[in-house]
Amino acid sequence: MWRATAYPVRVFILDARSCFPILISVTHWSLTTLLIGIFGVVFFGTISFFGLTLPAAIRSMRRFLIGPVRTALPTWQRRRFS
């Protein structure tokens, strides 16, 4: 009964997170919201294809931008002029 609770929620083939931009584009019909909805579906479908969730994708992008080396001390405890 509890074995499938960690799987991502899906609506048919789409990730459930991509349904929110679609809902916005359906309730307020314009070209801009349609493009936002399509971009949302493509974005969430892409990260779902790679097996990532949104927080994991954000962490991966942050690691890519910042780099793999992290200092052990917080910024306020570093010695700056030594």
C-alpha atoms as a PDB file:
ATOM      1  CA  MET A   1       0.000   0.000   0.000  1.00  0.00           C
ATOM      2  CA  TRP A   2       2.793   2.489   0.811  1.00  0.00           C
ATOM      3  CA  ARG A   3       5.357   1.375  -1.753  1.00  0.00           C
ATOM      4  CA  ALA A   4       4.435   3.921  -4.456  1.00  0.00           C
ATOM      5  CA  THR A   5       4.310   7.027  -2.266  1.00  0.00           C
ATOM      6  CA  ALA A   6       7.719   8.379  -3.327  1.00  0.00           C
ATOM      7  CA  TYR A   7       6.971   8.337  -7.056  1.00  0.00           C
ATOM      8  CA  PRO A   8       6.357  11.713  -8.705  1.00  0.00           C
ATOM      9  CA  VAL A   9       2.729  12.587  -9.315  1.00  0.00           C
ATOM     10  CA  ARG A  10       1.717  12.280 -12.960  1.00  0.00           C
ATOM     11  CA  VAL A  11      -1.389  13.243 -14.883  1.00  0.00           C
ATOM     12  CA  PHE A  12      -1.410  10.847 -17.821  1.00  0.00           C
ATOM     13  CA  ILE A  13       2.078  11.351 -19.298  1.00  0.00           C
ATOM     14  CA  LEU A  14       2.798  14.824 -17.835  1.00  0.00           C
ATOM     15  CA  ASP A  15       4.350  15.684 -14.528  1.00  0.00           C
ATOM     16  CA  ALA A  16       1.755  17.202 -12.202  1.00  0.00           C
ATOM     17  CA  ARG A  17       3.848  20.359 -11.810  1.00  0.00           C
ATOM     18  CA  SER A  18       3.453  21.095 -15.498  1.00  0.00           C
ATOM     19  CA  CYS A  19      -0.324  21.146 -15.155  1.00  0.00           C
ATOM     20  CA  PHE A  20      -0.248  24.490 -13.314  1.00  0.00           C
ATOM     21  CA  PRO A  21       1.016  26.513 -16.341  1.00  0.00           C
ATOM     22  CA  ILE A  22      -1.531  24.686 -18.482  1.00  0.00           C
ATOM     23  CA  LEU A  23      -4.272  25.626 -16.009  1.00  0.00           C
ATOM     24  CA  ILE A  24      -3.232  29.279 -16.177  1.00  0.00           C
ATOM     25  CA  SER A  25      -3.217  29.221 -19.969  1.00  0.00           C
ATOM     26  CA  VAL A  26      -6.669  27.602 -20.090  1.00  0.00           C
ATOM     27  CA  THR A  27      -8.314  29.938 -17.574  1.00  0.00           C
ATOM     28  CA  HIS A  28      -6.883  33.171 -19.049  1.00  0.00           C
ATOM     29  CA  TRP A  29      -6.719  32.565 -22.762  1.00  0.00           C
ATOM     30  CA  SER A  30      -4.130  34.657 -24.618  1.00  0.00           C
ATOM     31  CA  LEU A  31      -1.050  34.026 -26.690  1.00  0.00           C
ATOM     32  CA  THR A  32       1.274  35.007 -23.845  1.00  0.00           C
ATOM     33  CA  THR A  33      -0.216  32.566 -21.355  1.00  0.00           C
ATOM     34  CA  LEU A  34      -0.332  29.865 -24.018  1.00  0.00           C
ATOM     35  CA  LEU A  35       3.405  30.302 -24.600  1.00  0.00           C
ATOM     36  CA  ILE A  36       4.030  30.275 -20.830  1.00  0.00           C
ATOM     37  CA  GLY A  37       2.040  27.048 -20.583  1.00  0.00           C
ATOM     38  CA  ILE A  38       3.921  25.410 -23.440  1.00  0.00           C
ATOM     39  CA  PHE A  39       7.268  26.533 -22.012  1.00  0.00           C
ATOM     40  CA  GLY A  40       6.256  25.151 -18.593  1.00  0.00           C
ATOM     41  CA  VAL A  41       5.333  21.773 -20.053  1.00  0.00           C
ATOM     42  CA  VAL A  42       8.591  21.578 -22.017  1.00  0.00           C
ATOM     43  CA  PHE A  43      10.675  22.654 -19.014  1.00  0.00           C
ATOM     44  CA  PHE A  44       9.103  20.259 -16.532  1.00  0.00           C
ATOM     45  CA  GLY A  45       9.066  17.466 -19.116  1.00  0.00           C
ATOM     46  CA  THR A  46      12.783  17.954 -19.746  1.00  0.00           C
ATOM     47  CA  ILE A  47      13.791  17.855 -16.090  1.00  0.00           C
ATOM     48  CA  SER A  48      11.471  14.888 -15.560  1.00  0.00           C
ATOM     49  CA  PHE A  49      13.158  13.095 -18.472  1.00  0.00           C
ATOM     50  CA  PHE A  50      16.499  13.470 -16.705  1.00  0.00           C
ATOM     51  CA  GLY A  51      14.984  12.142 -13.474  1.00  0.00           C
ATOM     52  CA  LEU A  52      15.140  15.400 -11.530  1.00  0.00           C
ATOM     53  CA  THR A  53      12.608  17.294  -9.487  1.00  0.00           C
ATOM     54  CA  LEU A  54      12.442  21.086  -9.510  1.00  0.00           C
ATOM     55  CA  PRO A  55      14.511  21.559  -6.296  1.00  0.00           C
ATOM     56  CA  ALA A  56      17.111  19.062  -7.543  1.00  0.00           C
ATOM     57  CA  ALA A  57      17.320  20.833 -10.907  1.00  0.00           C
ATOM     58  CA  ILE A  58      17.816  24.176  -9.161  1.00  0.00           C
ATOM     59  CA  ARG A  59      20.596  22.694  -7.013  1.00  0.00           C
ATOM     60  CA  SER A  60      22.262  21.205 -10.115  1.00  0.00           C
ATOM     61  CA  MET A  61      22.091  24.544 -11.941  1.00  0.00           C
ATOM     62  CA  ARG A  62      23.526  26.341  -8.887  1.00  0.00           C
ATOM     63  CA  ARG A  63      26.384  23.846  -8.707  1.00  0.00           C
ATOM     64  CA  PHE A  64      27.047  24.293 -12.417  1.00  0.00           C
ATOM     65  CA  LEU A  65      27.167  28.088 -12.092  1.00  0.00           C
ATOM     66  CA  ILE A  66      29.148  28.299  -8.850  1.00  0.00           C
ATOM     67  CA  GLY A  67      31.455  25.334  -9.287  1.00  0.00           C
ATOM     68  CA  PRO A  68      32.238  22.199  -7.305  1.00  0.00           C
ATOM     69  CA  VAL A  69      34.637  23.807  -4.775  1.00  0.00           C
ATOM     70  CA  ARG A  70      32.970  25.213  -1.670  1.00  0.00           C
ATOM     71  CA  THR A  71      34.716  26.797   1.258  1.00  0.00           C
ATOM     72  CA  ALA A  72      34.391  25.257   4.692  1.00  0.00           C
ATOM     73  CA  LEU A  73      33.822  28.544   6.506  1.00  0.00           C
ATOM     74  CA  PRO A  74      30.854  30.869   6.112  1.00  0.00           C
ATOM     75  CA  THR A  75      31.454  34.265   4.576  1.00  0.00           C
ATOM     76  CA  TRP A  76      31.297  36.171   7.851  1.00  0.00           C
ATOM     77  CA  GLN A  77      34.002  33.989   9.466  1.00  0.00           C
ATOM     78  CA  ARG A  78      36.621  34.183   6.704  1.00  0.00           C
ATOM     79  CA  ARG A  79      39.807  36.172   7.255  1.00  0.00           C
ATOM     80  CA  ARG A  80      39.874  38.639   4.437  1.00  0.00           C
ATOM     81  CA  PHE A  81      43.170  40.483   4.693  1.00  0.00           C
ATOM     82  CA  SER A  82      45.567  37.777   5.813  1.00  0.00           C
END
